[in-house]
Amino acid sequence: MMRLFGGQEPEEAVRKATMDLTAALYQKQINDFEFNEISELERDSFGRILVFTRFKSGDYDGQLLLIFTSVDSDGSFRASPKCYLEVRTASFGAGVEHHKIRNSWNCPIDSIPIF
């Protein structure tokens, strides 16, 4: 399969977590979605996983960037409230960088910013 923005085929657990989180975000069942692409784009040094997914649900075509704090082997996952970002093809690169900053990419997971 040709990946729109590169990346690699995710492990089955990451694939399941992506599908579960997408369904939860749109308050639908997994069966209501057709996932055209799920790509693991990157992992940071603290275990976060950056995923891109393209999907269709009814008449809606969507593209999301997701960041998981962790994914267990059974597909259960942890993610922050800012874990998702709807992206457009034209602004994908900027979206990735913005999303990584929002999710403290490459910072210790338990870190609390001091302001």
PDB file of N, CA and C in Angstrom:
ATOM      1  N   MET A   1       0.839  -1.185   0.000  1.00  0.00           N
ATOM      2  CA  MET A   1       0.000   0.000   0.000  1.00  0.00           C
ATOM      3  C   MET A   1       0.881   1.244   0.000  1.00  0.00           C
ATOM      4  N   MET A   2       0.493   2.201  -0.802  1.00  0.00           N
ATOM      5  CA  MET A   2       1.192   3.491  -0.853  1.00  0.00           C
ATOM      6  C   MET A   2       0.733   4.337   0.335  1.00  0.00           C
ATOM      7  N   ARG A   3       1.668   4.783   1.142  1.00  0.00           N
ATOM      8  CA  ARG A   3       1.348   5.596   2.308  1.00  0.00           C
ATOM      9  C   ARG A   3       1.432   7.062   1.918  1.00  0.00           C
ATOM     10  N   LEU A   4       0.393   7.803   2.246  1.00  0.00           N
ATOM     11  CA  LEU A   4       0.277   9.194   1.835  1.00  0.00           C
ATOM     12  C   LEU A   4       1.447  10.043   2.329  1.00  0.00           C
ATOM     13  N   PHE A   5       1.868   9.843   3.572  1.00  0.00           N
ATOM     14  CA  PHE A   5       2.948  10.654   4.146  1.00  0.00           C
ATOM     15  C   PHE A   5       4.090   9.795   4.675  1.00  0.00           C
ATOM     16  N   GLY A   6       4.275   8.625   4.130  1.00  0.00           N
ATOM     17  CA  GLY A   6       5.342   7.748   4.579  1.00  0.00           C
ATOM     18  C   GLY A   6       4.936   6.984   5.819  1.00  0.00           C
ATOM     19  N   GLY A   7       5.899   6.670   6.631  1.00  0.00           N
ATOM     20  CA  GLY A   7       5.621   5.876   7.819  1.00  0.00           C
ATOM     21  C   GLY A   7       5.688   4.399   7.497  1.00  0.00           C
ATOM     22  N   GLN A   8       5.257   3.611   8.454  1.00  0.00           N
ATOM     23  CA  GLN A   8       5.331   2.161   8.299  1.00  0.00           C
ATOM     24  C   GLN A   8       4.067   1.514   8.838  1.00  0.00           C
ATOM     25  N   GLU A   9       3.888   0.260   8.481  1.00  0.00           N
ATOM     26  CA  GLU A   9       2.753  -0.516   8.985  1.00  0.00           C
ATOM     27  C   GLU A   9       2.910  -0.647  10.499  1.00  0.00           C
ATOM     28  N   PRO A  10       1.886  -0.275  11.260  1.00  0.00           N
ATOM     29  CA  PRO A  10       1.999  -0.370  12.719  1.00  0.00           C
ATOM     30  C   PRO A  10       1.813  -1.799  13.211  1.00  0.00           C
ATOM     31  N   GLU A  11       2.293  -2.043  14.412  1.00  0.00           N
ATOM     32  CA  GLU A  11       2.017  -3.316  15.063  1.00  0.00           C
ATOM     33  C   GLU A  11       0.508  -3.445  15.214  1.00  0.00           C
ATOM     34  N   GLU A  12       0.013  -4.666  15.343  1.00  0.00           N
ATOM     35  CA  GLU A  12      -1.431  -4.903  15.455  1.00  0.00           C
ATOM     36  C   GLU A  12      -2.037  -4.151  16.648  1.00  0.00           C
ATOM     37  N   ALA A  13      -1.321  -4.074  17.763  1.00  0.00           N
ATOM     38  CA  ALA A  13      -1.835  -3.371  18.941  1.00  0.00           C
ATOM     39  C   ALA A  13      -2.031  -1.881  18.651  1.00  0.00           C
ATOM     40  N   VAL A  14      -1.094  -1.269  17.936  1.00  0.00           N
ATOM     41  CA  VAL A  14      -1.197   0.150  17.589  1.00  0.00           C
ATOM     42  C   VAL A  14      -2.337   0.352  16.592  1.00  0.00           C
ATOM     43  N   ARG A  15      -2.482  -0.574  15.677  1.00  0.00           N
ATOM     44  CA  ARG A  15      -3.587  -0.517  14.712  1.00  0.00           C
ATOM     45  C   ARG A  15      -4.934  -0.554  15.448  1.00  0.00           C
ATOM     46  N   LYS A  16      -5.075  -1.471  16.398  1.00  0.00           N
ATOM     47  CA  LYS A  16      -6.316  -1.597  17.174  1.00  0.00           C
ATOM     48  C   LYS A  16      -6.564  -0.329  17.989  1.00  0.00           C
ATOM     49  N   ALA A  17      -5.521   0.186  18.640  1.00  0.00           N
ATOM     50  CA  ALA A  17      -5.657   1.405  19.435  1.00  0.00           C
ATOM     51  C   ALA A  17      -6.109   2.572  18.564  1.00  0.00           C
ATOM     52  N   THR A  18      -5.565   2.676  17.357  1.00  0.00           N
ATOM     53  CA  THR A  18      -5.941   3.741  16.426  1.00  0.00           C
ATOM     54  C   THR A  18      -7.412   3.646  16.060  1.00  0.00           C
ATOM     55  N   MET A  19      -7.863   2.459  15.737  1.00  0.00           N
ATOM     56  CA  MET A  19      -9.262   2.260  15.367  1.00  0.00           C
ATOM     57  C   MET A  19     -10.190   2.542  16.553  1.00  0.00           C
ATOM     58  N   ASP A  20      -9.822   2.057  17.733  1.00  0.00           N
ATOM     59  CA  ASP A  20     -10.641   2.287  18.936  1.00  0.00           C
ATOM     60  C   ASP A  20     -10.726   3.772  19.286  1.00  0.00           C
ATOM     61  N   LEU A  21      -9.589   4.471  19.246  1.00  0.00           N
ATOM     62  CA  LEU A  21      -9.588   5.892  19.592  1.00  0.00           C
ATOM     63  C   LEU A  21     -10.380   6.700  18.572  1.00  0.00           C
ATOM     64  N   THR A  22     -10.220   6.408  17.293  1.00  0.00           N
ATOM     65  CA  THR A  22     -10.963   7.125  16.255  1.00  0.00           C
ATOM     66  C   THR A  22     -12.467   6.943  16.456  1.00  0.00           C
ATOM     67  N   ALA A  23     -12.891   5.716  16.699  1.00  0.00           N
ATOM     68  CA  ALA A  23     -14.315   5.453  16.935  1.00  0.00           C
ATOM     69  C   ALA A  23     -14.815   6.213  18.167  1.00  0.00           C
ATOM     70  N   ALA A  24     -14.023   6.248  19.222  1.00  0.00           N
ATOM     71  CA  ALA A  24     -14.414   6.951  20.445  1.00  0.00           C
ATOM     72  C   ALA A  24     -14.511   8.464  20.204  1.00  0.00           C
ATOM     73  N   LEU A  25     -13.573   9.017  19.449  1.00  0.00           N
ATOM     74  CA  LEU A  25     -13.581  10.459  19.181  1.00  0.00           C
ATOM     75  C   LEU A  25     -14.838  10.882  18.419  1.00  0.00           C
ATOM     76  N   TYR A  26     -15.287  10.040  17.517  1.00  0.00           N
ATOM     77  CA  TYR A  26     -16.467  10.365  16.704  1.00  0.00           C
ATOM     78  C   TYR A  26     -17.744   9.737  17.265  1.00  0.00           C
ATOM     79  N   GLN A  27     -17.636   9.097  18.418  1.00  0.00           N
ATOM     80  CA  GLN A  27     -18.756   8.471  19.114  1.00  0.00           C
ATOM     81  C   GLN A  27     -19.544   7.543  18.197  1.00  0.00           C
ATOM     82  N   LYS A  28     -18.792   6.647  17.538  1.00  0.00           N
ATOM     83  CA  LYS A  28     -19.374   5.653  16.643  1.00  0.00           C
ATOM     84  C   LYS A  28     -18.741   4.299  16.923  1.00  0.00           C
ATOM     85  N   GLN A  29     -19.273   3.276  16.298  1.00  0.00           N
ATOM     86  CA  GLN A  29     -18.713   1.932  16.396  1.00  0.00           C
ATOM     87  C   GLN A  29     -17.610   1.771  15.344  1.00  0.00           C
ATOM     88  N   ILE A  30     -16.657   0.906  15.600  1.00  0.00           N
ATOM     89  CA  ILE A  30     -15.573   0.664  14.648  1.00  0.00           C
ATOM     90  C   ILE A  30     -16.136   0.234  13.297  1.00  0.00           C
ATOM     91  N   ASN A  31     -17.217  -0.529  13.315  1.00  0.00           N
ATOM     92  CA  ASN A  31     -17.820  -1.005  12.065  1.00  0.00           C
ATOM     93  C   ASN A  31     -18.352   0.135  11.202  1.00  0.00           C
ATOM     94  N   ASP A  32     -18.505   1.329  11.765  1.00  0.00           N
ATOM     95  CA  ASP A  32     -18.985   2.487  11.006  1.00  0.00           C
ATOM     96  C   ASP A  32     -17.872   3.153  10.205  1.00  0.00           C
ATOM     97  N   PHE A  33     -16.653   2.632  10.315  1.00  0.00           N
ATOM     98  CA  PHE A  33     -15.495   3.242   9.656  1.00  0.00           C
ATOM     99  C   PHE A  33     -14.879   2.302   8.631  1.00  0.00           C
ATOM    100  N   GLU A  34     -14.342   2.903   7.597  1.00  0.00           N
ATOM    101  CA  GLU A  34     -13.474   2.213   6.654  1.00  0.00           C
ATOM    102  C   GLU A  34     -12.115   2.908   6.774  1.00  0.00           C
ATOM    103  N   PHE A  35     -11.131   2.203   7.283  1.00  0.00           N
ATOM    104  CA  PHE A  35      -9.801   2.785   7.465  1.00  0.00           C
ATOM    105  C   PHE A  35      -8.988   2.544   6.200  1.00  0.00           C
ATOM    106  N   ASN A  36      -8.703   3.626   5.486  1.00  0.00           N
ATOM    107  CA  ASN A  36      -7.941   3.542   4.239  1.00  0.00           C
ATOM    108  C   ASN A  36      -6.444   3.463   4.490  1.00  0.00           C
ATOM    109  N   GLU A  37      -6.023   4.030   5.619  1.00  0.00           N
ATOM    110  CA  GLU A  37      -4.596   4.010   5.954  1.00  0.00           C
ATOM    111  C   GLU A  37      -4.420   4.203   7.450  1.00  0.00           C
ATOM    112  N   ILE A  38      -3.544   3.421   8.014  1.00  0.00           N
ATOM    113  CA  ILE A  38      -3.053   3.628   9.372  1.00  0.00           C
ATOM    114  C   ILE A  38      -1.543   3.465   9.280  1.00  0.00           C
ATOM    115  N   SER A  39      -0.818   4.544   9.534  1.00  0.00           N
ATOM    116  CA  SER A  39       0.643   4.538   9.422  1.00  0.00           C
ATOM    117  C   SER A  39       1.282   5.025  10.710  1.00  0.00           C
ATOM    118  N   GLU A  40       2.238   4.269  11.187  1.00  0.00           N
ATOM    119  CA  GLU A  40       3.039   4.742  12.311  1.00  0.00           C
ATOM    120  C   GLU A  40       4.137   5.614  11.738  1.00  0.00           C
ATOM    121  N   LEU A  41       4.130   6.882  12.135  1.00  0.00           N
ATOM    122  CA  LEU A  41       5.089   7.837  11.589  1.00  0.00           C
ATOM    123  C   LEU A  41       6.368   7.913  12.395  1.00  0.00           C
ATOM    124  N   GLU A  42       6.243   7.812  13.730  1.00  0.00           N
ATOM    125  CA  GLU A  42       7.435   8.039  14.555  1.00  0.00           C
ATOM    126  C   GLU A  42       7.167   7.619  16.000  1.00  0.00           C
ATOM    127  N   ARG A  43       8.239   7.332  16.713  1.00  0.00           N
ATOM    128  CA  ARG A  43       8.188   7.109  18.171  1.00  0.00           C
ATOM    129  C   ARG A  43       9.215   8.029  18.809  1.00  0.00           C
ATOM    130  N   ASP A  44       8.859   8.576  19.976  1.00  0.00           N
ATOM    131  CA  ASP A  44       9.851   9.410  20.654  1.00  0.00           C
ATOM    132  C   ASP A  44      10.625   8.564  21.666  1.00  0.00           C
ATOM    133  N   SER A  45      11.615   9.172  22.297  1.00  0.00           N
ATOM    134  CA  SER A  45      12.491   8.424  23.200  1.00  0.00           C
ATOM    135  C   SER A  45      11.805   8.042  24.510  1.00  0.00           C
ATOM    136  N   PHE A  46      10.575   8.507  24.733  1.00  0.00           N
ATOM    137  CA  PHE A  46       9.832   8.156  25.941  1.00  0.00           C
ATOM    138  C   PHE A  46       8.660   7.215  25.650  1.00  0.00           C
ATOM    139  N   GLY A  47       8.595   6.705  24.427  1.00  0.00           N
ATOM    140  CA  GLY A  47       7.593   5.703  24.087  1.00  0.00           C
ATOM    141  C   GLY A  47       6.326   6.207  23.429  1.00  0.00           C
ATOM    142  N   ARG A  48       6.189   7.522  23.246  1.00  0.00           N
ATOM    143  CA  ARG A  48       5.005   8.021  22.548  1.00  0.00           C
ATOM    144  C   ARG A  48       5.027   7.528  21.102  1.00  0.00           C
ATOM    145  N   ILE A  49       3.840   7.352  20.539  1.00  0.00           N
ATOM    146  CA  ILE A  49       3.714   6.854  19.170  1.00  0.00           C
ATOM    147  C   ILE A  49       2.862   7.835  18.379  1.00  0.00           C
ATOM    148  N   LEU A  50       3.407   8.330  17.275  1.00  0.00           N
ATOM    149  CA  LEU A  50       2.697   9.239  16.378  1.00  0.00           C
ATOM    150  C   LEU A  50       2.134   8.433  15.219  1.00  0.00           C
ATOM    151  N   VAL A  51       0.819   8.528  15.026  1.00  0.00           N
ATOM    152  CA  VAL A  51       0.124   7.748  14.001  1.00  0.00           C
ATOM    153  C   VAL A  51      -0.681   8.685  13.114  1.00  0.00           C
ATOM    154  N   PHE A  52      -0.714   8.371  11.830  1.00  0.00           N
ATOM    155  CA  PHE A  52      -1.582   9.053  10.873  1.00  0.00           C
ATOM    156  C   PHE A  52      -2.624   8.061  10.385  1.00  0.00           C
ATOM    157  N   THR A  53      -3.877   8.495  10.320  1.00  0.00           N
ATOM    158  CA  THR A  53      -4.918   7.631   9.773  1.00  0.00           C
ATOM    159  C   THR A  53      -5.826   8.412   8.830  1.00  0.00           C
ATOM    160  N   ARG A  54      -6.179   7.753   7.738  1.00  0.00           N
ATOM    161  CA  ARG A  54      -7.207   8.254   6.814  1.00  0.00           C
ATOM    162  C   ARG A  54      -8.374   7.286   6.905  1.00  0.00           C
ATOM    163  N   PHE A  55      -9.585   7.831   6.976  1.00  0.00           N
ATOM    164  CA  PHE A  55     -10.745   6.970   7.136  1.00  0.00           C
ATOM    165  C   PHE A  55     -11.969   7.589   6.489  1.00  0.00           C
ATOM    166  N   LYS A  56     -12.967   6.771   6.342  1.00  0.00           N
ATOM    167  CA  LYS A  56     -14.251   7.215   5.819  1.00  0.00           C
ATOM    168  C   LYS A  56     -15.314   6.681   6.757  1.00  0.00           C
ATOM    169  N   SER A  57     -16.301   7.527   7.065  1.00  0.00           N
ATOM    170  CA  SER A  57     -17.444   7.124   7.873  1.00  0.00           C
ATOM    171  C   SER A  57     -18.672   7.782   7.263  1.00  0.00           C
ATOM    172  N   GLY A  58     -19.497   6.998   6.613  1.00  0.00           N
ATOM    173  CA  GLY A  58     -20.623   7.566   5.882  1.00  0.00           C
ATOM    174  C   GLY A  58     -20.107   8.449   4.770  1.00  0.00           C
ATOM    175  N   ASP A  59     -20.544   9.711   4.734  1.00  0.00           N
ATOM    176  CA  ASP A  59     -20.090  10.663   3.716  1.00  0.00           C
ATOM    177  C   ASP A  59     -18.864  11.448   4.152  1.00  0.00           C
ATOM    178  N   TYR A  60     -18.363  11.190   5.357  1.00  0.00           N
ATOM    179  CA  TYR A  60     -17.253  11.971   5.904  1.00  0.00           C
ATOM    180  C   TYR A  60     -15.920  11.275   5.636  1.00  0.00           C
ATOM    181  N   ASP A  61     -15.003  11.989   5.007  1.00  0.00           N
ATOM    182  CA  ASP A  61     -13.623  11.522   4.831  1.00  0.00           C
ATOM    183  C   ASP A  61     -12.765  12.288   5.822  1.00  0.00           C
ATOM    184  N   GLY A  62     -12.025  11.577   6.670  1.00  0.00           N
ATOM    185  CA  GLY A  62     -11.225  12.237   7.683  1.00  0.00           C
ATOM    186  C   GLY A  62      -9.771  11.837   7.641  1.00  0.00           C
ATOM    187  N   GLN A  63      -8.939  12.704   8.186  1.00  0.00           N
ATOM    188  CA  GLN A  63      -7.515  12.455   8.374  1.00  0.00           C
ATOM    189  C   GLN A  63      -7.159  12.938   9.771  1.00  0.00           C
ATOM    190  N   LEU A  64      -6.536  12.072  10.543  1.00  0.00           N
ATOM    191  CA  LEU A  64      -6.158  12.414  11.911  1.00  0.00           C
ATOM    192  C   LEU A  64      -4.696  12.098  12.159  1.00  0.00           C
ATOM    193  N   LEU A  65      -4.078  12.926  12.982  1.00  0.00           N
ATOM    194  CA  LEU A  65      -2.816  12.593  13.625  1.00  0.00           C
ATOM    195  C   LEU A  65      -3.163  12.242  15.059  1.00  0.00           C
ATOM    196  N   LEU A  66      -2.657  11.126  15.535  1.00  0.00           N
ATOM    197  CA  LEU A  66      -2.885  10.683  16.905  1.00  0.00           C
ATOM    198  C   LEU A  66      -1.547  10.481  17.582  1.00  0.00           C
ATOM    199  N   ILE A  67      -1.467  10.832  18.859  1.00  0.00           N
ATOM    200  CA  ILE A  67      -0.286  10.522  19.651  1.00  0.00           C
ATOM    201  C   ILE A  67      -0.739   9.726  20.866  1.00  0.00           C
ATOM    202  N   PHE A  68      -0.192   8.527  20.973  1.00  0.00           N
ATOM    203  CA  PHE A  68      -0.452   7.667  22.125  1.00  0.00           C
ATOM    204  C   PHE A  68       0.716   7.798  23.093  1.00  0.00           C
ATOM    205  N   THR A  69       0.401   7.917  24.381  1.00  0.00           N
ATOM    206  CA  THR A  69       1.437   7.927  25.406  1.00  0.00           C
ATOM    207  C   THR A  69       2.021   6.530  25.555  1.00  0.00           C
ATOM    208  N   SER A  70       1.132   5.532  25.460  1.00  0.00           N
ATOM    209  CA  SER A  70       1.574   4.136  25.471  1.00  0.00           C
ATOM    210  C   SER A  70       0.476   3.274  24.856  1.00  0.00           C
ATOM    211  N   VAL A  71       0.889   2.132  24.327  1.00  0.00           N
ATOM    212  CA  VAL A  71      -0.035   1.135  23.790  1.00  0.00           C
ATOM    213  C   VAL A  71       0.430  -0.221  24.308  1.00  0.00           C
ATOM    214  N   ASP A  72      -0.486  -0.940  24.955  1.00  0.00           N
ATOM    215  CA  ASP A  72      -0.177  -2.286  25.450  1.00  0.00           C
ATOM    216  C   ASP A  72      -0.372  -3.316  24.343  1.00  0.00           C
ATOM    217  N   SER A  73       0.140  -4.505  24.548  1.00  0.00           N
ATOM    218  CA  SER A  73       0.097  -5.551  23.523  1.00  0.00           C
ATOM    219  C   SER A  73      -1.326  -5.967  23.152  1.00  0.00           C
ATOM    220  N   ASP A  74      -2.308  -5.709  24.018  1.00  0.00           N
ATOM    221  CA  ASP A  74      -3.700  -6.053  23.706  1.00  0.00           C
ATOM    222  C   ASP A  74      -4.439  -4.914  23.005  1.00  0.00           C
ATOM    223  N   GLY A  75      -3.751  -3.810  22.729  1.00  0.00           N
ATOM    224  CA  GLY A  75      -4.368  -2.680  22.049  1.00  0.00           C
ATOM    225  C   GLY A  75      -4.935  -1.625  22.982  1.00  0.00           C
ATOM    226  N   SER A  76      -4.917  -1.888  24.289  1.00  0.00           N
ATOM    227  CA  SER A  76      -5.344  -0.843  25.219  1.00  0.00           C
ATOM    228  C   SER A  76      -4.271   0.249  25.202  1.00  0.00           C
ATOM    229  N   PHE A  77      -4.678   1.470  25.500  1.00  0.00           N
ATOM    230  CA  PHE A  77      -3.750   2.580  25.318  1.00  0.00           C
ATOM    231  C   PHE A  77      -3.987   3.682  26.336  1.00  0.00           C
ATOM    232  N   ARG A  78      -2.993   4.556  26.422  1.00  0.00           N
ATOM    233  CA  ARG A  78      -3.094   5.801  27.179  1.00  0.00           C
ATOM    234  C   ARG A  78      -2.828   6.935  26.201  1.00  0.00           C
ATOM    235  N   ALA A  79      -3.591   8.008  26.365  1.00  0.00           N
ATOM    236  CA  ALA A  79      -3.413   9.179  25.511  1.00  0.00           C
ATOM    237  C   ALA A  79      -3.899  10.404  26.271  1.00  0.00           C
ATOM    238  N   SER A  80      -3.326  11.549  25.955  1.00  0.00           N
ATOM    239  CA  SER A  80      -3.726  12.788  26.626  1.00  0.00           C
ATOM    240  C   SER A  80      -4.982  13.355  25.969  1.00  0.00           C
ATOM    241  N   PRO A  81      -5.616  14.319  26.605  1.00  0.00           N
ATOM    242  CA  PRO A  81      -6.782  14.958  25.984  1.00  0.00           C
ATOM    243  C   PRO A  81      -6.454  15.669  24.661  1.00  0.00           C
ATOM    244  N   LYS A  82      -5.189  15.990  24.451  1.00  0.00           N
ATOM    245  CA  LYS A  82      -4.766  16.662  23.214  1.00  0.00           C
ATOM    246  C   LYS A  82      -4.168  15.674  22.213  1.00  0.00           C
ATOM    247  N   CYS A  83      -4.562  14.415  22.281  1.00  0.00           N
ATOM    248  CA  CYS A  83      -3.919  13.353  21.506  1.00  0.00           C
ATOM    249  C   CYS A  83      -4.289  13.342  20.035  1.00  0.00           C
ATOM    250  N   TYR A  84      -5.293  14.094  19.615  1.00  0.00           N
ATOM    251  CA  TYR A  84      -5.715  14.018  18.217  1.00  0.00           C
ATOM    252  C   TYR A  84      -5.689  15.401  17.560  1.00  0.00           C
ATOM    253  N   LEU A  85      -5.485  15.387  16.249  1.00  0.00           N
ATOM    254  CA  LEU A  85      -5.499  16.613  15.464  1.00  0.00           C
ATOM    255  C   LEU A  85      -6.004  16.257  14.075  1.00  0.00           C
ATOM    256  N   GLU A  86      -7.080  16.904  13.646  1.00  0.00           N
ATOM    257  CA  GLU A  86      -7.554  16.738  12.273  1.00  0.00           C
ATOM    258  C   GLU A  86      -6.597  17.502  11.371  1.00  0.00           C
ATOM    259  N   VAL A  87      -6.164  16.878  10.291  1.00  0.00           N
ATOM    260  CA  VAL A  87      -5.175  17.508   9.418  1.00  0.00           C
ATOM    261  C   VAL A  87      -5.660  17.559   7.979  1.00  0.00           C
ATOM    262  N   ARG A  88      -5.119  18.531   7.268  1.00  0.00           N
ATOM    263  CA  ARG A  88      -5.356  18.661   5.839  1.00  0.00           C
ATOM    264  C   ARG A  88      -4.057  18.326   5.125  1.00  0.00           C
ATOM    265  N   THR A  89      -4.191  17.790   3.948  1.00  0.00           N
ATOM    266  CA  THR A  89      -3.020  17.402   3.170  1.00  0.00           C
ATOM    267  C   THR A  89      -2.075  18.577   2.959  1.00  0.00           C
ATOM    268  N   ALA A  90      -2.617  19.755   2.663  1.00  0.00           N
ATOM    269  CA  ALA A  90      -1.790  20.927   2.360  1.00  0.00           C
ATOM    270  C   ALA A  90      -0.978  21.416   3.549  1.00  0.00           C
ATOM    271  N   SER A  91      -1.426  21.140   4.758  1.00  0.00           N
ATOM    272  CA  SER A  91      -0.712  21.636   5.942  1.00  0.00           C
ATOM    273  C   SER A  91      -0.218  20.493   6.827  1.00  0.00           C
ATOM    274  N   PHE A  92       0.045  19.354   6.231  1.00  0.00           N
ATOM    275  CA  PHE A  92       0.406  18.174   7.003  1.00  0.00           C
ATOM    276  C   PHE A  92       1.685  18.380   7.820  1.00  0.00           C
ATOM    277  N   GLY A  93       2.737  18.859   7.192  1.00  0.00           N
ATOM    278  CA  GLY A  93       4.017  19.031   7.891  1.00  0.00           C
ATOM    279  C   GLY A  93       3.906  19.958   9.084  1.00  0.00           C
ATOM    280  N   ALA A  94       3.230  21.074   8.903  1.00  0.00           N
ATOM    281  CA  ALA A  94       3.029  22.012  10.008  1.00  0.00           C
ATOM    282  C   ALA A  94       2.167  21.375  11.090  1.00  0.00           C
ATOM    283  N   GLY A  95       1.186  20.575  10.670  1.00  0.00           N
ATOM    284  CA  GLY A  95       0.319  19.889  11.626  1.00  0.00           C
ATOM    285  C   GLY A  95       1.091  18.916  12.493  1.00  0.00           C
ATOM    286  N   VAL A  96       2.012  18.181  11.894  1.00  0.00           N
ATOM    287  CA  VAL A  96       2.830  17.226  12.650  1.00  0.00           C
ATOM    288  C   VAL A  96       3.642  17.956  13.709  1.00  0.00           C
ATOM    289  N   GLU A  97       4.324  19.012  13.323  1.00  0.00           N
ATOM    290  CA  GLU A  97       5.164  19.735  14.279  1.00  0.00           C
ATOM    291  C   GLU A  97       4.329  20.367  15.391  1.00  0.00           C
ATOM    292  N   HIS A  98       3.209  20.959  15.041  1.00  0.00           N
ATOM    293  CA  HIS A  98       2.305  21.551  16.032  1.00  0.00           C
ATOM    294  C   HIS A  98       1.800  20.483  17.008  1.00  0.00           C
ATOM    295  N   HIS A  99       1.411  19.343  16.464  1.00  0.00           N
ATOM    296  CA  HIS A  99       0.861  18.261  17.289  1.00  0.00           C
ATOM    297  C   HIS A  99       1.921  17.693  18.239  1.00  0.00           C
ATOM    298  N   LYS A 100       3.138  17.584  17.783  1.00  0.00           N
ATOM    299  CA  LYS A 100       4.211  17.089  18.639  1.00  0.00           C
ATOM    300  C   LYS A 100       4.462  18.059  19.804  1.00  0.00           C
ATOM    301  N   ILE A 101       4.458  19.348  19.524  1.00  0.00           N
ATOM    302  CA  ILE A 101       4.659  20.340  20.587  1.00  0.00           C
ATOM    303  C   ILE A 101       3.519  20.264  21.593  1.00  0.00           C
ATOM    304  N   ARG A 102       2.280  20.184  21.111  1.00  0.00           N
ATOM    305  CA  ARG A 102       1.104  20.102  21.998  1.00  0.00           C
ATOM    306  C   ARG A 102       1.170  18.903  22.931  1.00  0.00           C
ATOM    307  N   ASN A 103       1.846  17.842  22.490  1.00  0.00           N
ATOM    308  CA  ASN A 103       1.892  16.608  23.263  1.00  0.00           C
ATOM    309  C   ASN A 103       3.246  16.362  23.915  1.00  0.00           C
ATOM    310  N   SER A 104       4.042  17.413  24.080  1.00  0.00           N
ATOM    311  CA  SER A 104       5.335  17.346  24.780  1.00  0.00           C
ATOM    312  C   SER A 104       6.249  16.258  24.238  1.00  0.00           C
ATOM    313  N   TRP A 105       6.324  16.171  22.922  1.00  0.00           N
ATOM    314  CA  TRP A 105       7.134  15.170  22.238  1.00  0.00           C
ATOM    315  C   TRP A 105       8.575  15.234  22.729  1.00  0.00           C
ATOM    316  N   ASN A 106       9.132  14.094  23.037  1.00  0.00           N
ATOM    317  CA  ASN A 106      10.511  13.927  23.522  1.00  0.00           C
ATOM    318  C   ASN A 106      10.764  14.572  24.884  1.00  0.00           C
ATOM    319  N   CYS A 107       9.715  14.765  25.657  1.00  0.00           N
ATOM    320  CA  CYS A 107       9.843  15.212  27.045  1.00  0.00           C
ATOM    321  C   CYS A 107       9.397  14.069  27.947  1.00  0.00           C
ATOM    322  N   PRO A 108       9.955  13.966  29.136  1.00  0.00           N
ATOM    323  CA  PRO A 108       9.506  12.907  30.044  1.00  0.00           C
ATOM    324  C   PRO A 108       7.982  12.944  30.206  1.00  0.00           C
ATOM    325  N   ILE A 109       7.366  11.791  30.202  1.00  0.00           N
ATOM    326  CA  ILE A 109       5.907  11.698  30.215  1.00  0.00           C
ATOM    327  C   ILE A 109       5.319  12.300  31.478  1.00  0.00           C
ATOM    328  N   ASP A 110       5.958  12.154  32.597  1.00  0.00           N
ATOM    329  CA  ASP A 110       5.410  12.689  33.841  1.00  0.00           C
ATOM    330  C   ASP A 110       5.850  14.130  34.115  1.00  0.00           C
ATOM    331  N   SER A 111       6.479  14.749  33.136  1.00  0.00           N
ATOM    332  CA  SER A 111       6.962  16.115  33.374  1.00  0.00           C
ATOM    333  C   SER A 111       5.800  17.099  33.430  1.00  0.00           C
ATOM    334  N   ILE A 112       5.953  18.084  34.275  1.00  0.00           N
ATOM    335  CA  ILE A 112       4.967  19.161  34.403  1.00  0.00           C
ATOM    336  C   ILE A 112       5.700  20.455  34.097  1.00  0.00           C
ATOM    337  N   PRO A 113       5.233  21.195  33.078  1.00  0.00           N
ATOM    338  CA  PRO A 113       5.928  22.438  32.757  1.00  0.00           C
ATOM    339  C   PRO A 113       5.879  23.422  33.921  1.00  0.00           C
ATOM    340  N   ILE A 114       6.966  24.132  34.119  1.00  0.00           N
ATOM    341  CA  ILE A 114       7.038  25.150  35.185  1.00  0.00           C
ATOM    342  C   ILE A 114       6.962  26.503  34.490  1.00  0.00           C
ATOM    343  N   PHE A 115       5.922  27.263  34.817  1.00  0.00           N
ATOM    344  CA  PHE A 115       5.733  28.586  34.213  1.00  0.00           C
ATOM    345  C   PHE A 115       5.713  29.638  35.276  1.00  0.00           C
TER     346      PHE A 115
END
